[in-house]
N, C-alpha and C. Protein backbone atom coordinates (compact mmCIF):
# COMPACT_ATOMS: atom_id res chain seq x y z
N UNK A 1 -27.67 -17.89 -9.93
CA UNK A 1 -26.86 -16.64 -9.60
C UNK A 1 -27.56 -15.31 -9.85
N UNK A 2 -27.02 -14.78 -9.21
CA UNK A 2 -27.64 -12.91 -8.78
C UNK A 2 -26.18 -11.97 -9.15
N UNK A 3 -26.96 -11.53 -10.33
CA UNK A 3 -25.68 -10.55 -11.01
C UNK A 3 -25.96 -9.46 -11.49
N UNK A 4 -25.48 -8.29 -10.86
CA UNK A 4 -26.20 -7.09 -10.95
C UNK A 4 -25.82 -5.92 -12.19
N UNK A 5 -26.23 -4.87 -12.23
CA UNK A 5 -26.01 -4.43 -13.70
C UNK A 5 -23.91 -3.72 -13.19
N UNK A 6 -23.93 -3.48 -12.10
CA UNK A 6 -22.65 -2.49 -11.52
C UNK A 6 -21.57 -3.77 -12.35
N UNK A 7 -21.92 -5.13 -12.01
CA UNK A 7 -20.80 -5.83 -12.31
C UNK A 7 -20.92 -6.58 -13.74
N UNK A 8 -21.92 -6.01 -14.31
CA UNK A 8 -21.98 -6.55 -15.87
C UNK A 8 -20.71 -5.25 -16.21
N UNK A 9 -21.13 -4.29 -16.00
CA UNK A 9 -20.02 -3.06 -16.32
C UNK A 9 -18.65 -3.31 -15.77
N UNK A 10 -18.48 -3.68 -14.69
CA UNK A 10 -17.09 -4.20 -14.78
C UNK A 10 -16.14 -5.17 -15.21
N UNK A 11 -17.26 -6.07 -15.66
CA UNK A 11 -16.68 -7.58 -16.17
C UNK A 11 -17.07 -7.70 -17.66
N UNK A 12 -17.10 -6.60 -18.63
CA UNK A 12 -17.14 -6.41 -19.62
C UNK A 12 -16.09 -6.19 -20.60
N UNK A 13 -15.70 -6.59 -21.41
CA UNK A 13 -14.76 -7.10 -22.24
C UNK A 13 -14.24 -6.11 -23.36
N UNK A 14 -15.43 -5.76 -23.87
CA UNK A 14 -15.66 -5.29 -25.21
C UNK A 14 -14.69 -3.56 -24.58
N UNK A 15 -13.50 -3.02 -25.15
CA UNK A 15 -12.56 -1.90 -24.87
C UNK A 15 -12.14 -1.39 -26.17
N UNK A 16 -12.10 -0.23 -25.71
CA UNK A 16 -11.42 0.57 -27.09
C UNK A 16 -10.38 1.58 -26.20
N UNK A 17 -9.42 1.44 -26.90
CA UNK A 17 -8.33 2.31 -25.61
C UNK A 17 -8.33 2.13 -24.24
N UNK A 18 -8.55 0.94 -23.85
CA UNK A 18 -8.53 0.59 -22.70
C UNK A 18 -9.98 1.29 -22.02
N UNK A 19 -11.21 1.83 -22.57
CA UNK A 19 -12.09 2.08 -21.98
C UNK A 19 -13.20 1.18 -22.31
N UNK A 20 -14.30 1.10 -21.31
CA UNK A 20 -15.23 0.33 -21.81
C UNK A 20 -16.27 0.81 -22.38
N UNK A 21 -16.88 -0.07 -22.84
CA UNK A 21 -17.54 0.56 -24.20
C UNK A 21 -19.22 0.63 -24.19
N UNK A 22 -19.91 0.09 -22.88
CA UNK A 22 -20.98 0.02 -22.67
C UNK A 22 -22.11 1.35 -22.71
N UNK A 23 -22.76 1.05 -23.67
CA UNK A 23 -24.02 2.14 -23.64
C UNK A 23 -25.41 1.62 -23.33
N UNK A 24 -26.11 2.89 -22.99
CA UNK A 24 -27.22 2.66 -22.71
C UNK A 24 -28.57 3.82 -22.88
N UNK A 25 -29.68 3.33 -22.83
CA UNK A 25 -30.59 5.16 -23.08
C UNK A 25 -31.51 4.85 -21.66
N UNK A 26 -32.16 5.95 -21.42
CA UNK A 26 -33.41 6.27 -20.30
C UNK A 26 -32.93 5.70 -18.95
N UNK A 27 -31.84 5.82 -18.49
CA UNK A 27 -31.21 5.52 -16.97
C UNK A 27 -31.16 6.98 -16.60
N UNK A 28 -32.13 7.38 -15.45
CA UNK A 28 -31.91 8.55 -15.19
C UNK A 28 -30.93 8.85 -14.62
N UNK A 29 -30.37 10.08 -14.06
CA UNK A 29 -29.48 10.76 -13.41
C UNK A 29 -29.11 9.91 -12.01
N UNK A 30 -30.58 9.77 -11.50
CA UNK A 30 -30.37 9.78 -10.13
C UNK A 30 -30.04 7.90 -10.14
N UNK A 31 -30.53 7.38 -10.94
CA UNK A 31 -29.94 5.84 -10.80
C UNK A 31 -28.40 6.03 -11.14
N UNK A 32 -28.18 6.63 -12.40
CA UNK A 32 -26.49 6.64 -12.28
C UNK A 32 -25.60 7.40 -11.32
N UNK A 33 -26.21 7.89 -10.76
CA UNK A 33 -25.23 8.65 -9.19
C UNK A 33 -25.56 7.11 -8.39
N UNK A 34 -26.47 6.33 -8.53
CA UNK A 34 -26.89 5.07 -7.37
C UNK A 34 -25.64 4.28 -8.13
N UNK A 35 -25.83 3.94 -9.18
CA UNK A 35 -24.98 2.96 -10.09
C UNK A 35 -23.42 3.50 -9.65
N UNK A 36 -22.97 4.93 -9.78
CA UNK A 36 -21.45 5.16 -8.98
C UNK A 36 -20.98 4.30 -7.79
N UNK A 37 -22.24 4.48 -6.71
CA UNK A 37 -21.96 4.08 -5.52
C UNK A 37 -21.58 2.67 -5.33
N UNK A 38 -22.77 2.02 -6.25
CA UNK A 38 -22.56 0.31 -6.15
C UNK A 38 -20.79 0.12 -7.08
N UNK A 39 -20.92 0.90 -7.83
CA UNK A 39 -19.36 0.46 -8.56
C UNK A 39 -18.29 0.58 -7.59
N UNK A 40 -18.03 1.69 -6.98
CA UNK A 40 -17.31 2.07 -5.57
C UNK A 40 -17.22 0.84 -4.76
N UNK A 41 -18.78 0.65 -4.17
CA UNK A 41 -18.64 -1.00 -3.45
C UNK A 41 -17.92 -1.92 -3.77
N UNK A 42 -18.25 -2.44 -5.30
CA UNK A 42 -18.00 -3.73 -5.80
C UNK A 42 -15.99 -3.86 -6.09
N UNK A 43 -15.45 -2.20 -6.47
CA UNK A 43 -13.81 -1.86 -6.04
C UNK A 43 -13.61 -2.07 -4.65
N UNK A 44 -14.37 -2.21 -3.57
CA UNK A 44 -13.79 -2.12 -2.17
C UNK A 44 -13.43 -0.54 -1.72
N UNK A 45 -14.58 0.44 -2.51
CA UNK A 45 -13.75 1.85 -2.27
C UNK A 45 -12.70 2.12 -2.32
N UNK A 46 -11.87 1.33 -3.30
CA UNK A 46 -10.43 1.46 -3.58
C UNK A 46 -10.42 2.50 -4.79
N UNK A 47 -11.65 2.69 -5.98
CA UNK A 47 -11.55 3.87 -6.91
C UNK A 47 -13.02 4.64 -6.89
N UNK A 48 -12.94 5.79 -7.01
CA UNK A 48 -14.15 6.30 -7.15
C UNK A 48 -14.91 6.36 -8.68
N UNK A 49 -16.12 6.73 -8.82
CA UNK A 49 -16.57 6.84 -9.98
C UNK A 49 -17.49 8.21 -10.14
N UNK A 50 -17.49 8.83 -11.33
CA UNK A 50 -18.18 10.01 -11.08
C UNK A 50 -18.84 10.05 -12.66
N UNK A 51 -19.92 10.89 -12.59
CA UNK A 51 -20.88 11.28 -13.64
C UNK A 51 -20.68 12.31 -14.13
N UNK A 52 -20.67 12.49 -15.46
CA UNK A 52 -20.38 13.93 -16.25
C UNK A 52 -21.62 14.13 -17.13
N UNK A 53 -22.36 15.15 -16.43
CA UNK A 53 -23.69 15.40 -17.09
C UNK A 53 -23.25 16.26 -18.39
N UNK A 54 -24.37 15.96 -19.40
CA UNK A 54 -23.84 16.55 -20.50
C UNK A 54 -25.10 17.72 -20.94
N UNK A 55 -25.06 19.03 -21.27
CA UNK A 55 -26.50 19.78 -21.81
C UNK A 55 -27.73 19.00 -21.97
N UNK A 56 -27.80 18.22 -22.95
CA UNK A 56 -29.14 17.56 -23.22
C UNK A 56 -29.44 16.26 -22.16
N UNK A 57 -28.66 16.04 -21.17
CA UNK A 57 -29.22 14.99 -20.23
C UNK A 57 -28.66 13.97 -20.06
N UNK A 58 -27.52 13.87 -21.48
CA UNK A 58 -26.71 12.36 -21.18
C UNK A 58 -25.75 12.43 -20.54
N UNK A 59 -25.32 11.58 -20.10
CA UNK A 59 -24.12 11.23 -19.25
C UNK A 59 -23.39 10.27 -19.33
N UNK A 60 -22.20 10.25 -18.98
CA UNK A 60 -21.13 9.19 -19.03
C UNK A 60 -20.67 9.02 -17.64
N UNK A 61 -20.18 7.82 -17.07
CA UNK A 61 -19.48 7.39 -16.15
C UNK A 61 -18.30 6.68 -16.40
N UNK A 62 -17.07 7.59 -15.21
CA UNK A 62 -15.94 6.98 -15.34
C UNK A 62 -15.13 6.51 -14.19
N UNK A 63 -14.58 5.64 -14.27
CA UNK A 63 -13.61 5.54 -12.90
C UNK A 63 -12.52 6.23 -12.79
N UNK A 64 -12.28 7.11 -11.94
CA UNK A 64 -10.82 8.15 -11.52
C UNK A 64 -10.01 7.70 -11.43
N UNK A 65 -9.21 7.82 -12.01
CA UNK A 65 -7.63 7.87 -11.71
C UNK A 65 -7.42 6.48 -11.84
N UNK A 66 -8.08 5.55 -12.93
CA UNK A 66 -7.92 4.37 -12.83
C UNK A 66 -6.25 4.05 -13.50
N UNK A 67 -5.76 5.29 -14.60
CA UNK A 67 -4.47 4.71 -15.04
C UNK A 67 -3.33 5.96 -14.54
N UNK A 68 -2.45 5.51 -13.87
CA UNK A 68 -1.38 6.52 -13.27
C UNK A 68 -1.04 7.61 -14.81
N UNK A 69 -0.61 9.00 -14.23
CA UNK A 69 0.00 9.44 -15.36
C UNK A 69 1.05 9.17 -16.05
N UNK A 70 1.03 9.03 -17.57
CA UNK A 70 1.84 9.01 -18.51
C UNK A 70 1.76 7.15 -18.48
N UNK A 71 0.66 6.42 -17.95
CA UNK A 71 0.45 4.99 -18.50
C UNK A 71 -0.30 4.86 -19.57
N UNK A 72 -1.71 5.77 -19.56
CA UNK A 72 -2.46 5.76 -20.92
C UNK A 72 -1.61 6.30 -22.54
N UNK A 73 -1.48 5.54 -23.40
CA UNK A 73 -0.79 6.25 -24.49
C UNK A 73 -1.12 7.56 -25.00
N UNK A 74 -2.61 8.08 -24.58
CA UNK A 74 -3.43 9.34 -24.94
C UNK A 74 -3.13 10.12 -23.68
N UNK A 75 -2.68 9.97 -22.73
CA UNK A 75 -2.42 10.64 -21.44
C UNK A 75 -4.32 10.76 -20.69
N UNK A 76 -4.65 9.55 -20.84
CA UNK A 76 -6.05 9.86 -20.33
C UNK A 76 -5.69 9.13 -18.48
N UNK A 77 -6.23 9.76 -17.73
CA UNK A 77 -6.29 9.30 -16.11
C UNK A 77 -7.34 8.45 -16.31
N UNK A 78 -8.59 8.88 -16.26
CA UNK A 78 -10.20 8.36 -15.89
C UNK A 78 -10.52 7.23 -16.92
N UNK A 79 -11.07 6.43 -16.89
CA UNK A 79 -11.57 5.25 -17.93
C UNK A 79 -13.22 5.36 -17.78
N UNK A 80 -13.75 5.28 -19.01
CA UNK A 80 -14.86 5.48 -19.12
C UNK A 80 -15.46 4.04 -19.19
N UNK A 81 -16.82 4.05 -18.37
CA UNK A 81 -17.40 2.93 -17.71
C UNK A 81 -18.67 2.83 -18.59
N UNK A 82 -19.96 3.58 -18.85
CA UNK A 82 -20.81 3.83 -19.28
C UNK A 82 -21.16 5.27 -19.58
N UNK A 83 -21.51 5.05 -20.97
CA UNK A 83 -22.33 6.20 -21.89
C UNK A 83 -24.04 6.15 -21.78
N UNK A 84 -24.86 7.00 -21.05
CA UNK A 84 -25.76 6.74 -20.99
C UNK A 84 -26.56 8.09 -21.93
N UNK A 85 -27.18 8.16 -22.82
CA UNK A 85 -27.85 8.78 -23.82
C UNK A 85 -29.71 9.22 -23.11
N UNK A 86 -29.93 10.35 -23.47
CA UNK A 86 -30.98 10.90 -22.96
C UNK A 86 -32.22 10.48 -23.81
N UNK A 87 -32.06 10.21 -25.29
CA UNK A 87 -33.05 9.95 -26.13
C UNK A 87 -33.33 8.40 -26.00
């Protein structure tokens, strides 16, 4: 069976407030952008994924508009998928 990292991320069960809790180190921003494209393809391009870059080179990948306005108790719209540390 072949299983991609993108499939792993979407199928993980560890959550906090509905956000997925995967973390990693050493994945380049370019690879993160490719991962966003793979995630979009896995959802049939029904969801967009963004890569938010921090000043230290770390980044977070979010699934855009996962929740409707008012659906998440804290008001979130985008669901965190992966946090990547630069160190």
